[in-house]
Amino acid sequence: MAEVVTLGECLVAFVASEPGPLAEASRFERFVAGAEANVAVGLARLGHSVEFVGRVGADGFGEAIRRRLRGEAVGTAHLVTDAEAATGLMFRERRHLGPAQVLYARRGSAGARLSVDDVVRAADAGVLSDARWLHLSGITPALSESAQAATFRAAELARAAGLTISLDLNLRRRLWTDEVAGPVLRRLAAGADVVLGSPDELAVLAGQPPDAGLVELAQAVLAIGPTMVVLKLGADGALLASTDAPGSPIPRPAVPLPVVIDPVGAGDAFCAGFIAARLEDLQLERALDYANACGAAAAASLGDQTGLPDRDELVALLAPGAGSPDTIR
């Protein structure tokens, strides 16, 4: 059975081939995407066994997702094919300046129809029996009432089974407002062990002002209930605070990235690196190094999963002097 279980919506992303506004985009490249699936693939490439629980449509895109996950050694025994809904789609432009526009075709999608029954069936089949970790994101509970209920049920079952639970906030304001998201995320965070997010996401979670100091923000999140909070700071690296870690908070620098090709998915890669390191009982400083390196690798390639590093690539990224580009001859 798998070490890590995650659940959510896996979708197909069409990313503009050339930088520029979506209104001018005429060619797109197709990728498999979805926050929890990205984490699953990232962990599998680093040598950890992962099971993905979700739904896809009975269509070619759903089959593309299934093939992709299987090809990455992610378990799909609990990836249901839904004959009554289509696989979710996403279209996004590429920008070198300013935020990229994203359009979704996911309302009523197969992934949004994830239900408590799906989670219970997977649990009854033993998906949590030998697992050590459940990873959740704030995207799935925003998709629908049934997906939200499924997320909470998964957390309850994982807690009863003694798993470590991580929550990546992944606040999507096209799916819900801060006012609606805040209470739901707080309830999830209260039952999680590790909460990860950017400062603006954590501010929404903790009900803090957007300009709150990082240490004060971390302490406010810990007061909700998790024992650890990880602040994703992009080019400034990461900061970790924990009720159990001497010397907390712990800052770590980012891995230098000369050019950002595609930042979408970097946060998921960050989570995969952090979880992998903790599964391997590495020190917290090293876990942040893993996370920063995986995030940088993802941002250096087009597509959510393309740049996710394998074990050898991660070691190379963390080696002294890795910031200098070179060619292995």
C-alpha atoms as a PDB file:
ATOM      1  CA  MET A   1       0.000   0.000   0.000  1.00  0.00           C
ATOM      2  CA  ALA A   2       1.003   3.636  -0.421  1.00  0.00           C
ATOM      3  CA  GLU A   3       2.914   5.796   2.072  1.00  0.00           C
ATOM      4  CA  VAL A   4       0.996   8.916   1.066  1.00  0.00           C
ATOM      5  CA  VAL A   5      -2.655   9.402   0.114  1.00  0.00           C
ATOM      6  CA  THR A   6      -4.026  12.518  -1.496  1.00  0.00           C
ATOM      7  CA  LEU A   7      -7.328  13.415  -3.078  1.00  0.00           C
ATOM      8  CA  GLY A   8      -8.832  16.099  -5.241  1.00  0.00           C
ATOM      9  CA  GLU A   9      -9.487  17.127  -8.815  1.00  0.00           C
ATOM     10  CA  CYS A  10      -7.015  16.252 -11.519  1.00  0.00           C
ATOM     11  CA  LEU A  11      -7.636  18.220 -14.708  1.00  0.00           C
ATOM     12  CA  VAL A  12      -6.132  18.919 -18.092  1.00  0.00           C
ATOM     13  CA  ALA A  13      -4.424  22.271 -18.586  1.00  0.00           C
ATOM     14  CA  PHE A  14      -3.951  23.996 -21.912  1.00  0.00           C
ATOM     15  CA  VAL A  15      -1.057  26.463 -21.599  1.00  0.00           C
ATOM     16  CA  ALA A  16      -0.326  29.030 -24.291  1.00  0.00           C
ATOM     17  CA  SER A  17       2.778  28.093 -26.251  1.00  0.00           C
ATOM     18  CA  GLU A  18       3.990  31.692 -26.463  1.00  0.00           C
ATOM     19  CA  PRO A  19       3.978  34.498 -23.884  1.00  0.00           C
ATOM     20  CA  GLY A  20       1.293  37.122 -24.304  1.00  0.00           C
ATOM     21  CA  PRO A  21      -2.376  37.836 -23.566  1.00  0.00           C
ATOM     22  CA  LEU A  22      -4.913  35.053 -23.851  1.00  0.00           C
ATOM     23  CA  ALA A  23      -6.745  37.067 -26.486  1.00  0.00           C
ATOM     24  CA  GLU A  24      -3.776  36.580 -28.817  1.00  0.00           C
ATOM     25  CA  ALA A  25      -2.982  32.945 -27.985  1.00  0.00           C
ATOM     26  CA  SER A  26      -3.546  30.572 -30.906  1.00  0.00           C
ATOM     27  CA  ARG A  27      -1.459  27.548 -29.896  1.00  0.00           C
ATOM     28  CA  PHE A  28      -1.541  25.657 -26.632  1.00  0.00           C
ATOM     29  CA  GLU A  29       0.352  22.773 -25.074  1.00  0.00           C
ATOM     30  CA  ARG A  30      -1.581  20.178 -23.101  1.00  0.00           C
ATOM     31  CA  PHE A  31      -0.555  19.106 -19.597  1.00  0.00           C
ATOM     32  CA  VAL A  32      -2.031  17.119 -16.750  1.00  0.00           C
ATOM     33  CA  ALA A  33      -2.503  19.367 -13.713  1.00  0.00           C
ATOM     34  CA  GLY A  34      -4.232  19.679 -10.359  1.00  0.00           C
ATOM     35  CA  ALA A  35      -2.594  20.564  -7.047  1.00  0.00           C
ATOM     36  CA  GLU A  36      -2.934  17.236  -5.248  1.00  0.00           C
ATOM     37  CA  ALA A  37      -1.997  15.255  -8.354  1.00  0.00           C
ATOM     38  CA  ASN A  38       1.084  17.442  -8.797  1.00  0.00           C
ATOM     39  CA  VAL A  39       2.152  16.631  -5.244  1.00  0.00           C
ATOM     40  CA  ALA A  40       1.519  12.936  -5.894  1.00  0.00           C
ATOM     41  CA  VAL A  41       3.718  12.933  -8.995  1.00  0.00           C
ATOM     42  CA  GLY A  42       6.409  14.935  -7.196  1.00  0.00           C
ATOM     43  CA  LEU A  43       6.528  12.406  -4.380  1.00  0.00           C
ATOM     44  CA  ALA A  44       6.548   9.439  -6.756  1.00  0.00           C
ATOM     45  CA  ARG A  45       9.533  10.870  -8.645  1.00  0.00           C
ATOM     46  CA  LEU A  46      11.356  11.154  -5.338  1.00  0.00           C
ATOM     47  CA  GLY A  47      10.773   7.465  -4.675  1.00  0.00           C
ATOM     48  CA  HIS A  48       7.715   7.502  -2.422  1.00  0.00           C
ATOM     49  CA  SER A  49       4.559   5.469  -3.014  1.00  0.00           C
ATOM     50  CA  VAL A  50       1.405   7.536  -3.459  1.00  0.00           C
ATOM     51  CA  GLU A  51      -2.296   6.808  -3.993  1.00  0.00           C
ATOM     52  CA  PHE A  52      -4.577   9.390  -5.608  1.00  0.00           C
ATOM     53  CA  VAL A  53      -8.310   9.411  -4.830  1.00  0.00           C
ATOM     54  CA  GLY A  54     -10.552  11.291  -7.233  1.00  0.00           C
ATOM     55  CA  ARG A  55     -12.798  11.277 -10.282  1.00  0.00           C
ATOM     56  CA  VAL A  56     -12.291  11.856 -13.997  1.00  0.00           C
ATOM     57  CA  GLY A  57     -14.758  11.870 -16.858  1.00  0.00           C
ATOM     58  CA  ALA A  58     -15.377   8.971 -19.211  1.00  0.00           C
ATOM     59  CA  ASP A  59     -13.591  10.879 -21.973  1.00  0.00           C
ATOM     60  CA  GLY A  60     -10.203  11.154 -23.643  1.00  0.00           C
ATOM     61  CA  PHE A  61      -8.960  13.739 -21.171  1.00  0.00           C
ATOM     62  CA  GLY A  62      -9.849  11.481 -18.268  1.00  0.00           C
ATOM     63  CA  GLU A  63      -7.959   8.648 -19.900  1.00  0.00           C
ATOM     64  CA  ALA A  64      -4.966  10.954 -20.489  1.00  0.00           C
ATOM     65  CA  ILE A  65      -4.927  11.731 -16.757  1.00  0.00           C
ATOM     66  CA  ARG A  66      -5.153   8.075 -15.801  1.00  0.00           C
ATOM     67  CA  ARG A  67      -2.313   7.137 -18.165  1.00  0.00           C
ATOM     68  CA  ARG A  68      -0.153  10.000 -16.931  1.00  0.00           C
ATOM     69  CA  LEU A  69      -0.563   9.138 -13.264  1.00  0.00           C
ATOM     70  CA  ARG A  70       0.038   5.462 -13.885  1.00  0.00           C
ATOM     71  CA  GLY A  71       3.110   6.310 -15.939  1.00  0.00           C
ATOM     72  CA  GLU A  72       4.447   8.269 -12.969  1.00  0.00           C
ATOM     73  CA  ALA A  73       3.818   5.270 -10.654  1.00  0.00           C
ATOM     74  CA  VAL A  74       0.971   7.027  -8.822  1.00  0.00           C
ATOM     75  CA  GLY A  75      -1.727   4.605  -7.680  1.00  0.00           C
ATOM     76  CA  THR A  76      -5.073   5.053  -9.464  1.00  0.00           C
ATOM     77  CA  ALA A  77      -7.096   2.179  -7.994  1.00  0.00           C
ATOM     78  CA  HIS A  78      -9.389   4.791  -6.409  1.00  0.00           C
ATOM     79  CA  LEU A  79      -9.568   7.156  -9.376  1.00  0.00           C
ATOM     80  CA  VAL A  80     -13.203   6.709 -10.383  1.00  0.00           C
ATOM     81  CA  THR A  81     -14.422   7.125 -13.965  1.00  0.00           C
ATOM     82  CA  ASP A  82     -17.616   9.210 -13.843  1.00  0.00           C
ATOM     83  CA  ALA A  83     -19.882   8.553 -16.824  1.00  0.00           C
ATOM     84  CA  GLU A  84     -22.122  11.505 -15.974  1.00  0.00           C
ATOM     85  CA  ALA A  85     -19.616  14.383 -15.969  1.00  0.00           C
ATOM     86  CA  ALA A  86     -16.695  15.606 -18.036  1.00  0.00           C
ATOM     87  CA  THR A  87     -13.084  15.963 -16.977  1.00  0.00           C
ATOM     88  CA  GLY A  88     -12.259  19.495 -15.831  1.00  0.00           C
ATOM     89  CA  LEU A  89     -10.214  21.765 -18.091  1.00  0.00           C
ATOM     90  CA  MET A  90      -8.083  24.848 -17.545  1.00  0.00           C
ATOM     91  CA  PHE A  91      -6.753  27.383 -20.046  1.00  0.00           C
ATOM     92  CA  ARG A  92      -4.019  29.839 -19.159  1.00  0.00           C
ATOM     93  CA  GLU A  93      -1.806  32.369 -20.799  1.00  0.00           C
ATOM     94  CA  ARG A  94       1.902  32.888 -20.177  1.00  0.00           C
ATOM     95  CA  ARG A  95       3.235  36.203 -18.931  1.00  0.00           C
ATOM     96  CA  HIS A  96       6.733  37.422 -18.278  1.00  0.00           C
ATOM     97  CA  LEU A  97       5.275  40.510 -16.568  1.00  0.00           C
ATOM     98  CA  GLY A  98       2.253  40.517 -14.298  1.00  0.00           C
ATOM     99  CA  PRO A  99      -0.141  37.692 -13.346  1.00  0.00           C
ATOM    100  CA  ALA A 100      -1.286  35.217 -15.988  1.00  0.00           C
ATOM    101  CA  GLN A 101      -4.986  34.971 -16.781  1.00  0.00           C
ATOM    102  CA  VAL A 102      -6.562  31.577 -16.108  1.00  0.00           C
ATOM    103  CA  LEU A 103      -9.931  30.331 -17.347  1.00  0.00           C
ATOM    104  CA  TYR A 104     -11.621  27.197 -15.991  1.00  0.00           C
ATOM    105  CA  ALA A 105     -14.113  24.790 -17.524  1.00  0.00           C
ATOM    106  CA  ARG A 106     -14.646  22.779 -14.361  1.00  0.00           C
ATOM    107  CA  ARG A 107     -18.077  23.659 -12.953  1.00  0.00           C
ATOM    108  CA  GLY A 108     -19.890  20.377 -12.428  1.00  0.00           C
ATOM    109  CA  SER A 109     -16.823  18.454 -13.553  1.00  0.00           C
ATOM    110  CA  ALA A 110     -16.159  14.844 -12.633  1.00  0.00           C
ATOM    111  CA  GLY A 111     -13.522  15.964 -10.131  1.00  0.00           C
ATOM    112  CA  ALA A 112     -15.974  18.325  -8.451  1.00  0.00           C
ATOM    113  CA  ARG A 113     -18.297  15.364  -7.888  1.00  0.00           C
ATOM    114  CA  LEU A 114     -15.880  13.702  -5.466  1.00  0.00           C
ATOM    115  CA  SER A 115     -17.988  12.455  -2.565  1.00  0.00           C
ATOM    116  CA  VAL A 116     -17.834  11.054   0.943  1.00  0.00           C
ATOM    117  CA  ASP A 117     -18.780   7.676  -0.553  1.00  0.00           C
ATOM    118  CA  ASP A 118     -15.624   7.780  -2.722  1.00  0.00           C
ATOM    119  CA  VAL A 119     -13.479   8.414   0.336  1.00  0.00           C
ATOM    120  CA  VAL A 120     -15.193   5.770   2.467  1.00  0.00           C
ATOM    121  CA  ARG A 121     -14.900   3.148  -0.295  1.00  0.00           C
ATOM    122  CA  ALA A 122     -11.181   3.857  -0.621  1.00  0.00           C
ATOM    123  CA  ALA A 123     -10.734   3.670   3.145  1.00  0.00           C
ATOM    124  CA  ASP A 124     -12.715   0.412   3.352  1.00  0.00           C
ATOM    125  CA  ALA A 125     -10.421  -0.991   0.660  1.00  0.00           C
ATOM    126  CA  GLY A 126      -7.445  -0.256   2.917  1.00  0.00           C
ATOM    127  CA  VAL A 127      -6.002   2.876   1.302  1.00  0.00           C
ATOM    128  CA  LEU A 128      -5.181   4.347   4.726  1.00  0.00           C
ATOM    129  CA  SER A 129      -4.133   1.092   6.407  1.00  0.00           C
ATOM    130  CA  ASP A 130      -0.402   1.307   5.758  1.00  0.00           C
ATOM    131  CA  ALA A 131      -0.217   4.990   4.842  1.00  0.00           C
ATOM    132  CA  ARG A 132       1.784   7.465   6.889  1.00  0.00           C
ATOM    133  CA  TRP A 133       0.591  10.762   5.446  1.00  0.00           C
ATOM    134  CA  LEU A 134      -2.557  12.396   4.023  1.00  0.00           C
ATOM    135  CA  HIS A 135      -2.089  15.525   1.927  1.00  0.00           C
ATOM    136  CA  LEU A 136      -4.993  17.920   1.334  1.00  0.00           C
ATOM    137  CA  SER A 137      -5.335  21.280  -0.355  1.00  0.00           C
ATOM    138  CA  GLY A 138      -7.749  24.173  -0.034  1.00  0.00           C
ATOM    139  CA  ILE A 139      -8.820  23.752  -3.653  1.00  0.00           C
ATOM    140  CA  THR A 140     -10.915  20.606  -3.287  1.00  0.00           C
ATOM    141  CA  PRO A 141     -13.292  21.952  -0.602  1.00  0.00           C
ATOM    142  CA  ALA A 142     -13.913  24.978  -2.834  1.00  0.00           C
ATOM    143  CA  LEU A 143     -15.163  22.875  -5.759  1.00  0.00           C
ATOM    144  CA  SER A 144     -18.528  21.724  -4.418  1.00  0.00           C
ATOM    145  CA  GLU A 145     -20.388  20.762  -1.269  1.00  0.00           C
ATOM    146  CA  SER A 146     -19.763  17.075  -1.909  1.00  0.00           C
ATOM    147  CA  ALA A 147     -16.031  17.627  -2.497  1.00  0.00           C
ATOM    148  CA  GLN A 148     -15.833  19.689   0.686  1.00  0.00           C
ATOM    149  CA  ALA A 149     -17.572  16.964   2.678  1.00  0.00           C
ATOM    150  CA  ALA A 150     -15.218  14.379   1.150  1.00  0.00           C
ATOM    151  CA  THR A 151     -12.190  16.426   2.233  1.00  0.00           C
ATOM    152  CA  PHE A 152     -13.365  16.642   5.824  1.00  0.00           C
ATOM    153  CA  ARG A 153     -14.228  12.946   5.907  1.00  0.00           C
ATOM    154  CA  ALA A 154     -10.785  12.031   4.604  1.00  0.00           C
ATOM    155  CA  ALA A 155      -9.208  14.139   7.341  1.00  0.00           C
ATOM    156  CA  GLU A 156     -11.354  12.465  10.005  1.00  0.00           C
ATOM    157  CA  LEU A 157     -10.477   8.963   8.825  1.00  0.00           C
ATOM    158  CA  ALA A 158      -6.781   9.808   8.526  1.00  0.00           C
ATOM    159  CA  ARG A 159      -6.723  11.285  12.012  1.00  0.00           C
ATOM    160  CA  ALA A 160      -8.371   8.139  13.411  1.00  0.00           C
ATOM    161  CA  ALA A 161      -5.772   6.013  11.571  1.00  0.00           C
ATOM    162  CA  GLY A 162      -2.879   8.005  13.038  1.00  0.00           C
ATOM    163  CA  LEU A 163      -1.644   9.579   9.788  1.00  0.00           C
ATOM    164  CA  THR A 164       0.188  12.895   9.590  1.00  0.00           C
ATOM    165  CA  ILE A 165      -2.077  15.394   7.797  1.00  0.00           C
ATOM    166  CA  SER A 166      -0.785  18.297   5.739  1.00  0.00           C
ATOM    167  CA  LEU A 167      -2.894  21.115   4.323  1.00  0.00           C
ATOM    168  CA  ASP A 168      -1.642  23.354   1.521  1.00  0.00           C
ATOM    169  CA  LEU A 169      -4.008  26.326   1.560  1.00  0.00           C
ATOM    170  CA  ASN A 170      -3.861  26.944  -2.201  1.00  0.00           C
ATOM    171  CA  LEU A 171      -6.446  29.709  -1.975  1.00  0.00           C
ATOM    172  CA  ARG A 172      -8.256  30.090  -5.320  1.00  0.00           C
ATOM    173  CA  ARG A 173     -10.219  33.303  -5.384  1.00  0.00           C
ATOM    174  CA  ARG A 174     -11.917  32.360  -8.673  1.00  0.00           C
ATOM    175  CA  LEU A 175     -13.567  29.519  -6.753  1.00  0.00           C
ATOM    176  CA  TRP A 176     -14.558  31.289  -3.518  1.00  0.00           C
ATOM    177  CA  THR A 177     -14.102  34.525  -1.619  1.00  0.00           C
ATOM    178  CA  ASP A 178     -11.809  35.037   1.352  1.00  0.00           C
ATOM    179  CA  GLU A 179     -14.876  35.439   3.567  1.00  0.00           C
ATOM    180  CA  VAL A 180     -16.269  32.057   2.545  1.00  0.00           C
ATOM    181  CA  ALA A 181     -12.902  30.287   2.440  1.00  0.00           C
ATOM    182  CA  GLY A 182     -11.620  31.475   5.824  1.00  0.00           C
ATOM    183  CA  PRO A 183     -13.921  29.469   8.142  1.00  0.00           C
ATOM    184  CA  VAL A 184     -13.628  26.295   6.046  1.00  0.00           C
ATOM    185  CA  LEU A 185      -9.840  26.471   5.932  1.00  0.00           C
ATOM    186  CA  ARG A 186      -9.664  27.187   9.655  1.00  0.00           C
ATOM    187  CA  ARG A 187     -11.695  24.076  10.385  1.00  0.00           C
ATOM    188  CA  LEU A 188      -9.398  21.995   8.178  1.00  0.00           C
ATOM    189  CA  ALA A 189      -6.258  23.564   9.642  1.00  0.00           C
ATOM    190  CA  ALA A 190      -7.436  22.852  13.182  1.00  0.00           C
ATOM    191  CA  GLY A 191      -7.299  19.133  12.402  1.00  0.00           C
ATOM    192  CA  ALA A 192      -4.054  19.201  10.421  1.00  0.00           C
ATOM    193  CA  ASP A 193      -0.508  18.665  11.622  1.00  0.00           C
ATOM    194  CA  VAL A 194       1.238  20.799   8.990  1.00  0.00           C
ATOM    195  CA  VAL A 195      -0.181  23.871   7.241  1.00  0.00           C
ATOM    196  CA  LEU A 196       1.612  25.364   4.238  1.00  0.00           C
ATOM    197  CA  GLY A 197       0.861  28.565   2.367  1.00  0.00           C
ATOM    198  CA  SER A 198       1.972  31.977   1.207  1.00  0.00           C
ATOM    199  CA  PRO A 199       1.741  34.899   3.642  1.00  0.00           C
ATOM    200  CA  ASP A 200      -1.431  36.271   2.019  1.00  0.00           C
ATOM    201  CA  GLU A 201      -3.119  32.843   2.216  1.00  0.00           C
ATOM    202  CA  LEU A 202      -2.079  32.371   5.836  1.00  0.00           C
ATOM    203  CA  ALA A 203      -3.393  35.850   6.660  1.00  0.00           C
ATOM    204  CA  VAL A 204      -6.838  34.831   5.385  1.00  0.00           C
ATOM    205  CA  LEU A 205      -6.650  31.613   7.405  1.00  0.00           C
ATOM    206  CA  ALA A 206      -5.654  33.360  10.626  1.00  0.00           C
ATOM    207  CA  GLY A 207      -7.792  36.469  10.187  1.00  0.00           C
ATOM    208  CA  GLN A 208      -4.697  38.678  10.181  1.00  0.00           C
ATOM    209  CA  PRO A 209      -4.029  41.857   8.169  1.00  0.00           C
ATOM    210  CA  PRO A 210      -2.192  41.311   4.859  1.00  0.00           C
ATOM    211  CA  ASP A 211       0.845  43.211   6.156  1.00  0.00           C
ATOM    212  CA  ALA A 212       1.221  41.148   9.333  1.00  0.00           C
ATOM    213  CA  GLY A 213       4.782  40.205  10.239  1.00  0.00           C
ATOM    214  CA  LEU A 214       5.852  36.701   9.243  1.00  0.00           C
ATOM    215  CA  VAL A 215       6.607  35.493  12.770  1.00  0.00           C
ATOM    216  CA  GLU A 216       3.374  36.948  14.145  1.00  0.00           C
ATOM    217  CA  LEU A 217       1.475  35.370  11.261  1.00  0.00           C
ATOM    218  CA  ALA A 218       3.033  31.975  11.912  1.00  0.00           C
ATOM    219  CA  GLN A 219       2.150  32.164  15.595  1.00  0.00           C
ATOM    220  CA  ALA A 220      -1.455  33.061  14.753  1.00  0.00           C
ATOM    221  CA  VAL A 221      -1.719  29.998  12.521  1.00  0.00           C
ATOM    222  CA  LEU A 222      -0.229  27.719  15.184  1.00  0.00           C
ATOM    223  CA  ALA A 223      -2.852  29.008  17.602  1.00  0.00           C
ATOM    224  CA  ILE A 224      -5.545  27.475  15.366  1.00  0.00           C
ATOM    225  CA  GLY A 225      -4.271  23.968  16.066  1.00  0.00           C
ATOM    226  CA  PRO A 226      -1.549  22.622  13.739  1.00  0.00           C
ATOM    227  CA  THR A 227       1.845  21.869  15.252  1.00  0.00           C
ATOM    228  CA  MET A 228       3.757  23.222  12.262  1.00  0.00           C
ATOM    229  CA  VAL A 229       3.315  26.008   9.725  1.00  0.00           C
ATOM    230  CA  VAL A 230       5.467  26.524   6.638  1.00  0.00           C
ATOM    231  CA  LEU A 231       5.477  29.905   4.905  1.00  0.00           C
ATOM    232  CA  LYS A 232       6.249  29.733   1.187  1.00  0.00           C
ATOM    233  CA  LEU A 233       8.129  32.921   0.348  1.00  0.00           C
ATOM    234  CA  GLY A 234       9.076  32.386  -3.301  1.00  0.00           C
ATOM    235  CA  ALA A 235      12.377  34.050  -4.123  1.00  0.00           C
ATOM    236  CA  ASP A 236      12.887  34.679  -0.390  1.00  0.00           C
ATOM    237  CA  GLY A 237      12.841  30.969   0.422  1.00  0.00           C
ATOM    238  CA  ALA A 238      10.747  29.618   3.288  1.00  0.00           C
ATOM    239  CA  LEU A 239      10.110  30.041   6.990  1.00  0.00           C
ATOM    240  CA  LEU A 240       8.984  27.265   9.339  1.00  0.00           C
ATOM    241  CA  ALA A 241       7.501  27.623  12.794  1.00  0.00           C
ATOM    242  CA  SER A 242       6.592  24.716  15.049  1.00  0.00           C
ATOM    243  CA  THR A 243       5.428  24.168  18.575  1.00  0.00           C
ATOM    244  CA  ASP A 244       7.786  21.176  18.760  1.00  0.00           C
ATOM    245  CA  ALA A 245      10.962  22.565  17.152  1.00  0.00           C
ATOM    246  CA  PRO A 246      13.692  24.193  19.256  1.00  0.00           C
ATOM    247  CA  GLY A 247      14.997  27.302  17.539  1.00  0.00           C
ATOM    248  CA  SER A 248      11.758  27.920  15.683  1.00  0.00           C
ATOM    249  CA  PRO A 249      11.082  29.857  13.525  1.00  0.00           C
ATOM    250  CA  ILE A 250      13.531  28.451  10.999  1.00  0.00           C
ATOM    251  CA  PRO A 251      14.299  30.428   7.804  1.00  0.00           C
ATOM    252  CA  ARG A 252      15.928  28.883   4.729  1.00  0.00           C
ATOM    253  CA  PRO A 253      17.009  30.642   1.509  1.00  0.00           C
ATOM    254  CA  ALA A 254      15.579  29.851  -1.904  1.00  0.00           C
ATOM    255  CA  VAL A 255      17.492  27.989  -4.590  1.00  0.00           C
ATOM    256  CA  PRO A 256      18.617  30.686  -7.072  1.00  0.00           C
ATOM    257  CA  LEU A 257      16.551  30.628 -10.253  1.00  0.00           C
ATOM    258  CA  PRO A 258      17.959  32.745 -13.104  1.00  0.00           C
ATOM    259  CA  VAL A 259      14.764  32.611 -15.175  1.00  0.00           C
ATOM    260  CA  VAL A 260      11.215  31.739 -14.143  1.00  0.00           C
ATOM    261  CA  ILE A 261       9.634  29.833 -17.030  1.00  0.00           C
ATOM    262  CA  ASP A 262       6.314  28.922 -15.416  1.00  0.00           C
ATOM    263  CA  PRO A 263       5.589  29.507 -11.704  1.00  0.00           C
ATOM    264  CA  VAL A 264       2.318  27.548 -11.708  1.00  0.00           C
ATOM    265  CA  GLY A 265       2.810  24.289  -9.831  1.00  0.00           C
ATOM    266  CA  ALA A 266       5.906  25.455  -7.951  1.00  0.00           C
ATOM    267  CA  GLY A 267       3.985  25.517  -4.676  1.00  0.00           C
ATOM    268  CA  ASP A 268       2.856  21.927  -5.181  1.00  0.00           C
ATOM    269  CA  ALA A 269       6.434  20.884  -5.939  1.00  0.00           C
ATOM    270  CA  PHE A 270       7.481  22.649  -2.724  1.00  0.00           C
ATOM    271  CA  CYS A 271       4.976  20.523  -0.783  1.00  0.00           C
ATOM    272  CA  ALA A 272       6.208  17.319  -2.420  1.00  0.00           C
ATOM    273  CA  GLY A 273       9.805  18.063  -1.464  1.00  0.00           C
ATOM    274  CA  PHE A 274       8.894  18.926   2.105  1.00  0.00           C
ATOM    275  CA  ILE A 275       6.732  15.821   2.617  1.00  0.00           C
ATOM    276  CA  ALA A 276       9.395  13.566   1.081  1.00  0.00           C
ATOM    277  CA  ALA A 277      12.021  14.888   3.467  1.00  0.00           C
ATOM    278  CA  ARG A 278       9.786  14.442   6.501  1.00  0.00           C
ATOM    279  CA  LEU A 279       8.916  10.879   5.451  1.00  0.00           C
ATOM    280  CA  GLU A 280      12.667  10.276   5.415  1.00  0.00           C
ATOM    281  CA  ASP A 281      12.996  11.740   8.939  1.00  0.00           C
ATOM    282  CA  LEU A 282      15.295  14.519   7.759  1.00  0.00           C
ATOM    283  CA  GLN A 283      15.873  17.612   9.859  1.00  0.00           C
ATOM    284  CA  LEU A 284      13.501  20.531   9.350  1.00  0.00           C
ATOM    285  CA  GLU A 285      16.220  22.681   7.765  1.00  0.00           C
ATOM    286  CA  ARG A 286      16.875  19.953   5.194  1.00  0.00           C
ATOM    287  CA  ALA A 287      13.158  19.538   4.574  1.00  0.00           C
ATOM    288  CA  LEU A 288      12.931  23.228   3.676  1.00  0.00           C
ATOM    289  CA  ASP A 289      15.942  22.833   1.383  1.00  0.00           C
ATOM    290  CA  TYR A 290      14.196  19.932  -0.371  1.00  0.00           C
ATOM    291  CA  ALA A 291      11.055  22.019  -0.693  1.00  0.00           C
ATOM    292  CA  ASN A 292      12.816  25.105  -2.071  1.00  0.00           C
ATOM    293  CA  ALA A 293      14.772  23.052  -4.594  1.00  0.00           C
ATOM    294  CA  CYS A 294      11.684  21.223  -5.861  1.00  0.00           C
ATOM    295  CA  GLY A 295       9.783  24.492  -6.186  1.00  0.00           C
ATOM    296  CA  ALA A 296      12.598  26.073  -8.181  1.00  0.00           C
ATOM    297  CA  ALA A 297      12.855  23.046 -10.469  1.00  0.00           C
ATOM    298  CA  ALA A 298       9.138  23.187 -11.228  1.00  0.00           C
ATOM    299  CA  ALA A 299       9.248  26.927 -11.986  1.00  0.00           C
ATOM    300  CA  ALA A 300      12.099  26.359 -14.437  1.00  0.00           C
ATOM    301  CA  SER A 301       9.924  24.290 -16.809  1.00  0.00           C
ATOM    302  CA  LEU A 302       6.615  24.788 -18.621  1.00  0.00           C
ATOM    303  CA  GLY A 303       3.724  22.821 -17.144  1.00  0.00           C
ATOM    304  CA  ASP A 304       2.765  21.872 -13.607  1.00  0.00           C
ATOM    305  CA  GLN A 305       4.565  18.513 -13.517  1.00  0.00           C
ATOM    306  CA  THR A 306       7.270  18.768 -16.184  1.00  0.00           C
ATOM    307  CA  GLY A 307      10.071  20.046 -13.969  1.00  0.00           C
ATOM    308  CA  LEU A 308       9.363  17.976 -10.875  1.00  0.00           C
ATOM    309  CA  PRO A 309      12.787  16.506 -10.042  1.00  0.00           C
ATOM    310  CA  ASP A 310      13.660  12.878  -9.483  1.00  0.00           C
ATOM    311  CA  ARG A 311      16.041  11.882  -6.694  1.00  0.00           C
ATOM    312  CA  ASP A 312      19.255  12.359  -8.693  1.00  0.00           C
ATOM    313  CA  GLU A 313      18.118  15.737  -9.989  1.00  0.00           C
ATOM    314  CA  LEU A 314      17.239  16.885  -6.488  1.00  0.00           C
ATOM    315  CA  VAL A 315      20.669  15.865  -5.179  1.00  0.00           C
ATOM    316  CA  ALA A 316      22.291  17.808  -8.014  1.00  0.00           C
ATOM    317  CA  LEU A 317      20.200  20.904  -7.257  1.00  0.00           C
ATOM    318  CA  LEU A 318      21.257  20.812  -3.620  1.00  0.00           C
ATOM    319  CA  ALA A 319      24.952  20.247  -4.337  1.00  0.00           C
ATOM    320  CA  PRO A 320      27.369  23.123  -3.594  1.00  0.00           C
ATOM    321  CA  GLY A 321      27.650  25.406  -6.609  1.00  0.00           C
ATOM    322  CA  ALA A 322      24.456  24.051  -8.190  1.00  0.00           C
ATOM    323  CA  GLY A 323      23.357  27.584  -9.018  1.00  0.00           C
ATOM    324  CA  SER A 324      25.912  27.733 -11.830  1.00  0.00           C
ATOM    325  CA  PRO A 325      24.518  26.298 -15.081  1.00  0.00           C
ATOM    326  CA  ASP A 326      26.649  23.643 -16.654  1.00  0.00           C
ATOM    327  CA  THR A 327      26.418  20.671 -18.955  1.00  0.00           C
ATOM    328  CA  ILE A 328      27.237  17.117 -17.940  1.00  0.00           C
ATOM    329  CA  ARG A 329      29.496  15.865 -20.702  1.00  0.00           C
END
